[in-house]
């Protein structure tokens, strides 16, 4: 999604409130840079111009104050069979804390484990988060924004397992602009015209969804839950698991609608190795296709000169003259949305995960 490089320090004060119940106060100033995040900033901040992207990807301070309270009353750290664990994490960042990004963030999680019938275990987890965006000091025209590191993402082996990593929640579809404009012959019209790309009115819905690359952009509110029934297959080494996960992430401007939660049931196997449980999970998702926005490179029209190298790209493959286009450094985020994940065949709806450790 993005690459982050940072240098900083952490100052943490911890006080024990009881057995396995620490309360910590922290201050974590970091000077960080973001790279490979142009699509993210264009879709989330509407900062599509290269000069704006340079500002948000440059060296900026992220300096939150935090409070964390956690408690672990389980009987085993790696493979609990009884007890509970929970945590609440609060963060605040503003100009007075030394942060260029301002935000408030809350994240809470609780898990419960109960033995069933002597050898089996029933486990449940609930996780919820909220982040309130604030002004980015160096680019006030972008409005209220949330640093990529503090946004919420869902989907994956420890989340809603019917989805690939971070693929549940807000996302956009990236596609090369040449795929939209160039054709193989004069008789084949392009998907869009240069004018439509420049005006952000290009409708890319006629393309096969295989040409798009989905890119998650994260959200500001998140809700996840899981239920598991863990039962022995062999006396010592193997367990089977039946589970159902539920979750959703909502972005800015979206109402929190619980009817949009995605349910993903599945089955799994656990092998208890010396380094912890080795986990194989197979989950199924059955949700409606999404309507997603398309992002690509912005262009401008030009006239091919026939002199090589010619910066102008022909609208017809192999042509040496006539009208064409050249890509600019700006991104284009189209208004028309494209249906995605429309294949409802069983195999396309199944997601496989392999990881180490229990899901929760």
Foldseek 3Di string as FASTA:
>chain_A
DKDKDKDWDKDKDWDDPDDQKIKIKMKIKIFMAIPPCQVLCCVFLVQFDPVSVCVRRHTFIDIKIKIKIKHFPFPDDFDGAFDKIKMKMWIFDDVVRVGLWGKIKIKIKMKGWHHDPPFKIKIKMKIKMAMGFQARNVCNVSPTGDDQVRFDFAEDLLFQPLHHGRPFEAKAWEAEVLQQQADADPVDHGQDHLVCQQVLARDPQVDDQVRIDIDHNGAGIKIKMKIKMWGDPDPPFKIKIKMKMKMHGYHPPDDDDPVPIWIKTWMKMWTQDPVATKIKIKIFTDDAWDWHKYKYFRKDKDWAPLDPPTQFDDNHPPDRTGIGIHTDSGMRIHDGTYTPPHDRDGVSGMGMHIDGTDSD
